[in-house]
Amino acid sequence: MEYGIYAIYNVVSDKMYVGKSTQISRRWRDHLKDLRGGYHKNGYLQASWNKHGSEAFIFGVLDEVSTGHFTLLGQRESHWVSALDTTSRGHGYNQTKAKMSAANTGQRMTIDQCEK
């Protein structure tokens, strides 16, 4: 099983990051490399890793998706992000779609986008 939805859970802060991948084991290795190197794209997750250390984090698969079902993969990720409220700073490390888009393009966000 390589297609699916995964979570990176901090047992100390009780916060979670939810992601999707077509190669979950490889994606986990990439997350680890970036976090250990101190340059993960998600600043909230990186700061928590730096504060609590690797021993505070657990990686797990939340949902399996049949190979080739890209649309379903995105739908399941959205479901889990919403169900676990991981875009809320109190519950998780996920960014909103507007914040992720701006971070990936280097564009500045409007105040309205930040508040969402």
C-alpha atoms as a PDB file:
ATOM      1  CA  MET A   1       0.000   0.000   0.000  1.00  0.00           C
ATOM      2  CA  GLU A   2       1.565   3.244  -1.098  1.00  0.00           C
ATOM      3  CA  TYR A   3      -1.400   5.497  -1.970  1.00  0.00           C
ATOM      4  CA  GLY A   4      -2.991   7.009   1.059  1.00  0.00           C
ATOM      5  CA  ILE A   5      -3.417   9.575   3.758  1.00  0.00           C
ATOM      6  CA  TYR A   6      -0.883   9.757   6.564  1.00  0.00           C
ATOM      7  CA  ALA A   7      -0.510  11.661   9.802  1.00  0.00           C
ATOM      8  CA  ILE A   8       2.439  12.966  11.764  1.00  0.00           C
ATOM      9  CA  TYR A   9       1.289  13.152  15.376  1.00  0.00           C
ATOM     10  CA  ASN A  10       2.981  14.982  18.228  1.00  0.00           C
ATOM     11  CA  VAL A  11       2.216  13.076  21.446  1.00  0.00           C
ATOM     12  CA  VAL A  12       3.377  16.008  23.605  1.00  0.00           C
ATOM     13  CA  SER A  13       1.323  18.806  22.061  1.00  0.00           C
ATOM     14  CA  ASP A  14      -1.511  16.548  20.823  1.00  0.00           C
ATOM     15  CA  LYS A  15      -1.273  18.188  17.376  1.00  0.00           C
ATOM     16  CA  MET A  16      -1.232  16.518  14.008  1.00  0.00           C
ATOM     17  CA  TYR A  17      -0.185  17.073  10.409  1.00  0.00           C
ATOM     18  CA  VAL A  18      -2.186  15.279   7.719  1.00  0.00           C
ATOM     19  CA  GLY A  19      -0.857  14.664   4.215  1.00  0.00           C
ATOM     20  CA  LYS A  20      -1.412  12.558   1.123  1.00  0.00           C
ATOM     21  CA  SER A  21       1.020  10.618  -0.993  1.00  0.00           C
ATOM     22  CA  THR A  22       1.309   8.132  -3.802  1.00  0.00           C
ATOM     23  CA  GLN A  23       4.458   6.819  -2.083  1.00  0.00           C
ATOM     24  CA  ILE A  24       3.833   7.022   1.653  1.00  0.00           C
ATOM     25  CA  SER A  25       7.073   5.379   2.829  1.00  0.00           C
ATOM     26  CA  ARG A  26       9.139   7.694   0.634  1.00  0.00           C
ATOM     27  CA  ARG A  27       7.141  10.727   1.773  1.00  0.00           C
ATOM     28  CA  TRP A  28       7.834   9.841   5.415  1.00  0.00           C
ATOM     29  CA  ARG A  29      11.572   9.627   4.673  1.00  0.00           C
ATOM     30  CA  ASP A  30      11.389  13.049   2.983  1.00  0.00           C
ATOM     31  CA  HIS A  31       9.607  14.559   5.986  1.00  0.00           C
ATOM     32  CA  LEU A  32      12.223  13.104   8.329  1.00  0.00           C
ATOM     33  CA  LYS A  33      15.112  14.395   6.224  1.00  0.00           C
ATOM     34  CA  ASP A  34      13.654  17.902   6.104  1.00  0.00           C
ATOM     35  CA  LEU A  35      12.743  17.981   9.809  1.00  0.00           C
ATOM     36  CA  ARG A  36      16.121  16.638  10.914  1.00  0.00           C
ATOM     37  CA  GLY A  37      17.827  19.126   8.594  1.00  0.00           C
ATOM     38  CA  GLY A  38      15.803  21.993  10.055  1.00  0.00           C
ATOM     39  CA  TYR A  39      14.354  23.131   6.729  1.00  0.00           C
ATOM     40  CA  HIS A  40      10.867  21.615   6.524  1.00  0.00           C
ATOM     41  CA  LYS A  41       8.503  23.762   4.415  1.00  0.00           C
ATOM     42  CA  ASN A  42       5.903  23.720   7.184  1.00  0.00           C
ATOM     43  CA  GLY A  43       7.257  26.155   9.750  1.00  0.00           C
ATOM     44  CA  TYR A  44       4.732  25.155  12.441  1.00  0.00           C
ATOM     45  CA  LEU A  45       5.735  21.511  12.204  1.00  0.00           C
ATOM     46  CA  GLN A  46       9.444  22.359  12.089  1.00  0.00           C
ATOM     47  CA  ALA A  47       9.210  24.589  15.185  1.00  0.00           C
ATOM     48  CA  SER A  48       7.397  21.850  17.091  1.00  0.00           C
ATOM     49  CA  TRP A  49       9.998  19.273  16.018  1.00  0.00           C
ATOM     50  CA  ASN A  50      12.770  21.588  17.182  1.00  0.00           C
ATOM     51  CA  LYS A  51      11.036  22.180  20.514  1.00  0.00           C
ATOM     52  CA  HIS A  52       9.918  18.616  21.360  1.00  0.00           C
ATOM     53  CA  GLY A  53      12.419  16.454  19.486  1.00  0.00           C
ATOM     54  CA  SER A  54      11.920  13.459  17.244  1.00  0.00           C
ATOM     55  CA  GLU A  55      10.820  11.180  20.094  1.00  0.00           C
ATOM     56  CA  ALA A  56       7.590  13.201  20.417  1.00  0.00           C
ATOM     57  CA  PHE A  57       6.406  12.309  16.907  1.00  0.00           C
ATOM     58  CA  ILE A  58       4.610   9.267  15.535  1.00  0.00           C
ATOM     59  CA  PHE A  59       3.967   8.606  11.851  1.00  0.00           C
ATOM     60  CA  GLY A  60       0.939   6.578  10.816  1.00  0.00           C
ATOM     61  CA  VAL A  61      -1.379   5.801   7.926  1.00  0.00           C
ATOM     62  CA  LEU A  62      -4.945   7.050   8.346  1.00  0.00           C
ATOM     63  CA  ASP A  63      -6.500   5.862   5.117  1.00  0.00           C
ATOM     64  CA  GLU A  64      -5.564   3.678   2.166  1.00  0.00           C
ATOM     65  CA  VAL A  65      -6.552   4.620  -1.375  1.00  0.00           C
ATOM     66  CA  SER A  66      -6.461   2.350  -4.419  1.00  0.00           C
ATOM     67  CA  THR A  67      -3.548   2.989  -6.756  1.00  0.00           C
ATOM     68  CA  GLY A  68      -4.336   5.477  -9.509  1.00  0.00           C
ATOM     69  CA  HIS A  69      -7.238   7.230  -7.770  1.00  0.00           C
ATOM     70  CA  PHE A  70      -5.728  10.725  -7.576  1.00  0.00           C
ATOM     71  CA  THR A  71      -9.063  12.515  -7.174  1.00  0.00           C
ATOM     72  CA  LEU A  72     -10.084  10.242  -4.328  1.00  0.00           C
ATOM     73  CA  LEU A  73      -6.689  10.785  -2.700  1.00  0.00           C
ATOM     74  CA  GLY A  74      -7.317  14.540  -2.560  1.00  0.00           C
ATOM     75  CA  GLN A  75     -10.869  14.065  -1.330  1.00  0.00           C
ATOM     76  CA  ARG A  76      -9.748  11.760   1.479  1.00  0.00           C
ATOM     77  CA  GLU A  77      -7.015  14.191   2.516  1.00  0.00           C
ATOM     78  CA  SER A  78      -9.570  17.015   2.691  1.00  0.00           C
ATOM     79  CA  HIS A  79     -11.868  14.772   4.722  1.00  0.00           C
ATOM     80  CA  TRP A  80      -9.196  13.952   7.302  1.00  0.00           C
ATOM     81  CA  VAL A  81      -7.886  17.526   7.561  1.00  0.00           C
ATOM     82  CA  SER A  82     -11.438  18.693   8.215  1.00  0.00           C
ATOM     83  CA  ALA A  83     -12.408  15.819  10.534  1.00  0.00           C
ATOM     84  CA  LEU A  84      -9.295  16.280  12.676  1.00  0.00           C
ATOM     85  CA  ASP A  85      -9.367  20.099  12.403  1.00  0.00           C
ATOM     86  CA  THR A  86      -5.658  20.161  11.600  1.00  0.00           C
ATOM     87  CA  THR A  87      -5.731  23.657  10.080  1.00  0.00           C
ATOM     88  CA  SER A  88      -6.588  25.012  13.532  1.00  0.00           C
ATOM     89  CA  ARG A  89      -3.429  26.029  15.424  1.00  0.00           C
ATOM     90  CA  GLY A  90      -4.942  24.394  18.514  1.00  0.00           C
ATOM     91  CA  HIS A  91      -5.191  20.998  16.812  1.00  0.00           C
ATOM     92  CA  GLY A  92      -2.704  20.752  14.017  1.00  0.00           C
ATOM     93  CA  TYR A  93       0.050  21.865  11.721  1.00  0.00           C
ATOM     94  CA  ASN A  94      -1.731  21.926   8.360  1.00  0.00           C
ATOM     95  CA  GLN A  95      -2.009  25.235   6.563  1.00  0.00           C
ATOM     96  CA  THR A  96      -5.118  26.387   4.741  1.00  0.00           C
ATOM     97  CA  LYS A  97      -5.137  26.036   0.963  1.00  0.00           C
ATOM     98  CA  ALA A  98      -4.603  29.813   0.583  1.00  0.00           C
ATOM     99  CA  LYS A  99      -1.579  29.753   2.906  1.00  0.00           C
ATOM    100  CA  MET A 100      -0.090  26.696   1.184  1.00  0.00           C
ATOM    101  CA  SER A 101      -0.545  28.287  -2.222  1.00  0.00           C
ATOM    102  CA  ALA A 102       1.107  31.537  -1.130  1.00  0.00           C
ATOM    103  CA  ALA A 103       3.952  29.688   0.573  1.00  0.00           C
ATOM    104  CA  ASN A 104       4.623  27.624  -2.522  1.00  0.00           C
ATOM    105  CA  THR A 105       4.592  30.595  -4.899  1.00  0.00           C
ATOM    106  CA  GLY A 106       6.224  33.193  -2.674  1.00  0.00           C
ATOM    107  CA  GLN A 107       3.193  35.462  -2.997  1.00  0.00           C
ATOM    108  CA  ARG A 108       2.006  37.655  -0.175  1.00  0.00           C
ATOM    109  CA  MET A 109      -1.417  36.955   1.234  1.00  0.00           C
ATOM    110  CA  THR A 110      -4.135  39.468   1.928  1.00  0.00           C
ATOM    111  CA  ILE A 111      -5.349  40.028   5.478  1.00  0.00           C
ATOM    112  CA  ASP A 112      -8.600  38.251   4.586  1.00  0.00           C
ATOM    113  CA  GLN A 113      -6.677  35.182   3.393  1.00  0.00           C
ATOM    114  CA  CYS A 114      -4.607  35.085   6.584  1.00  0.00           C
ATOM    115  CA  GLU A 115      -7.706  35.249   8.768  1.00  0.00           C
ATOM    116  CA  LYS A 116      -9.258  32.272   6.958  1.00  0.00           C
END
